[in-house]
Amino acid sequence: MEDRKVDILNKDGKITTLFYMLGFLLAGVLIWGAIGWGIDNWLGHNNYFLIGGVVLGIGSSLYLAWLRFGRK
């Protein structure tokens, strides 16, 4: 059996689609979660907006990933 080396770079030197999608997902959760956390601290709530921000971040980043990579 032939050993295959897993490389994170394509032959062109571009980052693969998987890492782009991971970046979308992490960025969406972190940005919207931080916005929700800021609103919670500003209004004095108990993490209601943080949870909403994380859910919004997951949904929006999945949608953006689908727009970027899923459509043909």
N, C-alpha and C. Protein backbone atom coordinates (compact mmCIF):
# COMPACT_ATOMS: atom_id res chain seq x y z
N MET A 1 0.82 -1.18 0.00
CA MET A 1 0.00 0.00 0.00
C MET A 1 0.87 1.24 0.00
N GLU A 2 0.49 2.20 -0.76
CA GLU A 2 1.28 3.41 -0.92
C GLU A 2 0.96 4.41 0.20
N ASP A 3 1.99 4.97 0.81
CA ASP A 3 1.78 6.00 1.83
C ASP A 3 1.49 7.32 1.15
N ARG A 4 0.42 7.96 1.61
CA ARG A 4 0.07 9.26 1.06
C ARG A 4 0.28 10.32 2.12
N LYS A 5 1.05 11.30 1.78
CA LYS A 5 1.32 12.39 2.69
C LYS A 5 0.19 13.42 2.57
N VAL A 6 -0.41 13.75 3.69
CA VAL A 6 -1.49 14.74 3.69
C VAL A 6 -0.85 16.12 3.75
N ASP A 7 -1.14 16.92 2.76
CA ASP A 7 -0.55 18.25 2.67
C ASP A 7 -1.66 19.27 2.75
N ILE A 8 -1.44 20.34 3.51
CA ILE A 8 -2.48 21.35 3.64
C ILE A 8 -2.49 22.31 2.46
N LEU A 9 -1.53 22.22 1.59
CA LEU A 9 -1.47 23.10 0.44
C LEU A 9 -1.75 22.33 -0.85
N ASN A 10 -2.47 22.96 -1.76
CA ASN A 10 -2.68 22.39 -3.08
C ASN A 10 -1.40 22.52 -3.89
N LYS A 11 -1.41 21.98 -5.08
CA LYS A 11 -0.24 22.10 -5.96
C LYS A 11 0.02 23.56 -6.33
N ASP A 12 -1.05 24.37 -6.34
CA ASP A 12 -0.89 25.79 -6.67
C ASP A 12 -0.40 26.61 -5.49
N GLY A 13 -0.35 26.02 -4.29
CA GLY A 13 0.08 26.75 -3.11
C GLY A 13 -1.07 27.43 -2.38
N LYS A 14 -2.29 27.13 -2.77
CA LYS A 14 -3.45 27.74 -2.12
C LYS A 14 -3.96 26.83 -1.01
N ILE A 15 -4.49 27.44 0.03
CA ILE A 15 -5.04 26.67 1.14
C ILE A 15 -6.28 25.92 0.64
N THR A 16 -6.44 24.70 1.11
CA THR A 16 -7.55 23.89 0.63
C THR A 16 -8.89 24.42 1.13
N THR A 17 -9.94 23.94 0.51
CA THR A 17 -11.29 24.37 0.82
C THR A 17 -11.67 24.07 2.26
N LEU A 18 -11.19 22.99 2.78
CA LEU A 18 -11.50 22.63 4.16
C LEU A 18 -11.03 23.70 5.14
N PHE A 19 -9.86 24.23 4.94
CA PHE A 19 -9.35 25.24 5.84
C PHE A 19 -10.06 26.58 5.66
N TYR A 20 -10.49 26.87 4.44
CA TYR A 20 -11.31 28.06 4.23
C TYR A 20 -12.62 27.94 5.02
N MET A 21 -13.27 26.78 4.91
CA MET A 21 -14.54 26.58 5.60
C MET A 21 -14.36 26.63 7.11
N LEU A 22 -13.28 26.05 7.60
CA LEU A 22 -13.00 26.12 9.04
C LEU A 22 -12.79 27.56 9.48
N GLY A 23 -12.14 28.33 8.66
CA GLY A 23 -11.95 29.75 8.95
C GLY A 23 -13.26 30.50 9.00
N PHE A 24 -14.16 30.22 8.05
CA PHE A 24 -15.48 30.83 8.07
C PHE A 24 -16.22 30.50 9.36
N LEU A 25 -16.21 29.22 9.74
CA LEU A 25 -16.94 28.79 10.92
C LEU A 25 -16.38 29.41 12.19
N LEU A 26 -15.07 29.39 12.34
CA LEU A 26 -14.47 29.96 13.54
C LEU A 26 -14.66 31.47 13.61
N ALA A 27 -14.49 32.14 12.50
CA ALA A 27 -14.64 33.59 12.49
C ALA A 27 -16.07 34.01 12.81
N GLY A 28 -17.04 33.31 12.24
CA GLY A 28 -18.44 33.65 12.50
C GLY A 28 -18.80 33.48 13.97
N VAL A 29 -18.39 32.36 14.55
CA VAL A 29 -18.70 32.11 15.96
C VAL A 29 -17.99 33.12 16.85
N LEU A 30 -16.72 33.38 16.58
CA LEU A 30 -15.96 34.31 17.42
C LEU A 30 -16.48 35.75 17.31
N ILE A 31 -16.75 36.19 16.10
CA ILE A 31 -17.18 37.58 15.93
C ILE A 31 -18.58 37.79 16.50
N TRP A 32 -19.54 36.96 16.11
CA TRP A 32 -20.90 37.15 16.60
C TRP A 32 -21.02 36.83 18.08
N GLY A 33 -20.23 35.87 18.56
CA GLY A 33 -20.20 35.59 19.99
C GLY A 33 -19.67 36.77 20.78
N ALA A 34 -18.63 37.41 20.27
CA ALA A 34 -18.07 38.59 20.93
C ALA A 34 -19.06 39.75 20.92
N ILE A 35 -19.79 39.91 19.83
CA ILE A 35 -20.82 40.96 19.78
C ILE A 35 -21.91 40.67 20.80
N GLY A 36 -22.34 39.42 20.88
CA GLY A 36 -23.35 39.05 21.87
C GLY A 36 -22.85 39.25 23.30
N TRP A 37 -21.60 38.90 23.56
CA TRP A 37 -21.00 39.08 24.88
C TRP A 37 -20.95 40.57 25.25
N GLY A 38 -20.59 41.39 24.27
CA GLY A 38 -20.55 42.84 24.51
C GLY A 38 -21.92 43.40 24.83
N ILE A 39 -22.94 42.97 24.12
CA ILE A 39 -24.31 43.43 24.39
C ILE A 39 -24.76 42.96 25.76
N ASP A 40 -24.42 41.71 26.12
CA ASP A 40 -24.76 41.21 27.45
C ASP A 40 -24.12 42.05 28.55
N ASN A 41 -22.86 42.38 28.40
CA ASN A 41 -22.20 43.21 29.41
C ASN A 41 -22.77 44.61 29.45
N TRP A 42 -23.13 45.14 28.31
CA TRP A 42 -23.67 46.49 28.23
C TRP A 42 -25.05 46.57 28.88
N LEU A 43 -25.89 45.55 28.65
CA LEU A 43 -27.25 45.56 29.19
C LEU A 43 -27.36 44.86 30.54
N GLY A 44 -26.34 44.12 30.93
CA GLY A 44 -26.35 43.45 32.23
C GLY A 44 -27.14 42.16 32.26
N HIS A 45 -27.25 41.47 31.13
CA HIS A 45 -27.97 40.19 31.07
C HIS A 45 -27.03 39.02 31.41
N ASN A 46 -27.61 37.84 31.57
CA ASN A 46 -26.84 36.63 31.89
C ASN A 46 -26.62 35.78 30.65
N ASN A 47 -25.81 36.24 29.74
CA ASN A 47 -25.36 35.48 28.56
C ASN A 47 -26.46 35.11 27.58
N TYR A 48 -27.59 35.82 27.58
CA TYR A 48 -28.62 35.54 26.59
C TYR A 48 -28.17 35.94 25.19
N PHE A 49 -27.58 37.11 25.09
CA PHE A 49 -27.13 37.58 23.78
C PHE A 49 -25.87 36.84 23.32
N LEU A 50 -25.06 36.38 24.26
CA LEU A 50 -23.89 35.57 23.90
C LEU A 50 -24.33 34.29 23.20
N ILE A 51 -25.30 33.61 23.77
CA ILE A 51 -25.81 32.38 23.16
C ILE A 51 -26.45 32.69 21.81
N GLY A 52 -27.22 33.76 21.75
CA GLY A 52 -27.82 34.15 20.47
C GLY A 52 -26.77 34.52 19.44
N GLY A 53 -25.71 35.18 19.87
CA GLY A 53 -24.63 35.54 18.96
C GLY A 53 -23.90 34.34 18.42
N VAL A 54 -23.66 33.35 19.28
CA VAL A 54 -22.98 32.13 18.83
C VAL A 54 -23.86 31.37 17.83
N VAL A 55 -25.15 31.27 18.13
CA VAL A 55 -26.06 30.59 17.20
C VAL A 55 -26.15 31.34 15.88
N LEU A 56 -26.23 32.68 15.95
CA LEU A 56 -26.25 33.49 14.73
C LEU A 56 -24.94 33.34 13.96
N GLY A 57 -23.82 33.27 14.67
CA GLY A 57 -22.53 33.08 14.02
C GLY A 57 -22.42 31.75 13.31
N ILE A 58 -22.91 30.69 13.94
CA ILE A 58 -22.90 29.38 13.31
C ILE A 58 -23.77 29.39 12.05
N GLY A 59 -24.97 29.92 12.18
CA GLY A 59 -25.88 29.96 11.03
C GLY A 59 -25.36 30.80 9.89
N SER A 60 -24.85 31.98 10.21
CA SER A 60 -24.37 32.86 9.14
C SER A 60 -23.11 32.33 8.50
N SER A 61 -22.23 31.72 9.28
CA SER A 61 -21.01 31.19 8.68
C SER A 61 -21.29 29.96 7.82
N LEU A 62 -22.24 29.12 8.23
CA LEU A 62 -22.64 27.99 7.38
C LEU A 62 -23.25 28.48 6.08
N TYR A 63 -24.06 29.54 6.17
CA TYR A 63 -24.67 30.10 4.97
C TYR A 63 -23.60 30.69 4.04
N LEU A 64 -22.65 31.43 4.61
CA LEU A 64 -21.58 31.99 3.78
C LEU A 64 -20.71 30.91 3.17
N ALA A 65 -20.44 29.85 3.92
CA ALA A 65 -19.67 28.74 3.38
C ALA A 65 -20.43 28.05 2.25
N TRP A 66 -21.74 27.93 2.42
CA TRP A 66 -22.55 27.33 1.35
C TRP A 66 -22.55 28.23 0.11
N LEU A 67 -22.66 29.55 0.32
CA LEU A 67 -22.61 30.46 -0.84
C LEU A 67 -21.27 30.38 -1.56
N ARG A 68 -20.21 30.28 -0.79
CA ARG A 68 -18.87 30.29 -1.38
C ARG A 68 -18.50 28.96 -2.00
N PHE A 69 -18.84 27.84 -1.34
CA PHE A 69 -18.34 26.55 -1.77
C PHE A 69 -19.42 25.56 -2.22
N GLY A 70 -20.68 25.76 -1.83
CA GLY A 70 -21.69 24.77 -2.08
C GLY A 70 -22.44 24.93 -3.38
N ARG A 71 -22.58 26.16 -3.83
CA ARG A 71 -23.33 26.37 -5.06
C ARG A 71 -22.50 26.02 -6.28
N LYS A 72 -23.19 25.63 -7.33
CA LYS A 72 -22.48 25.32 -8.59
C LYS A 72 -23.11 26.05 -9.73
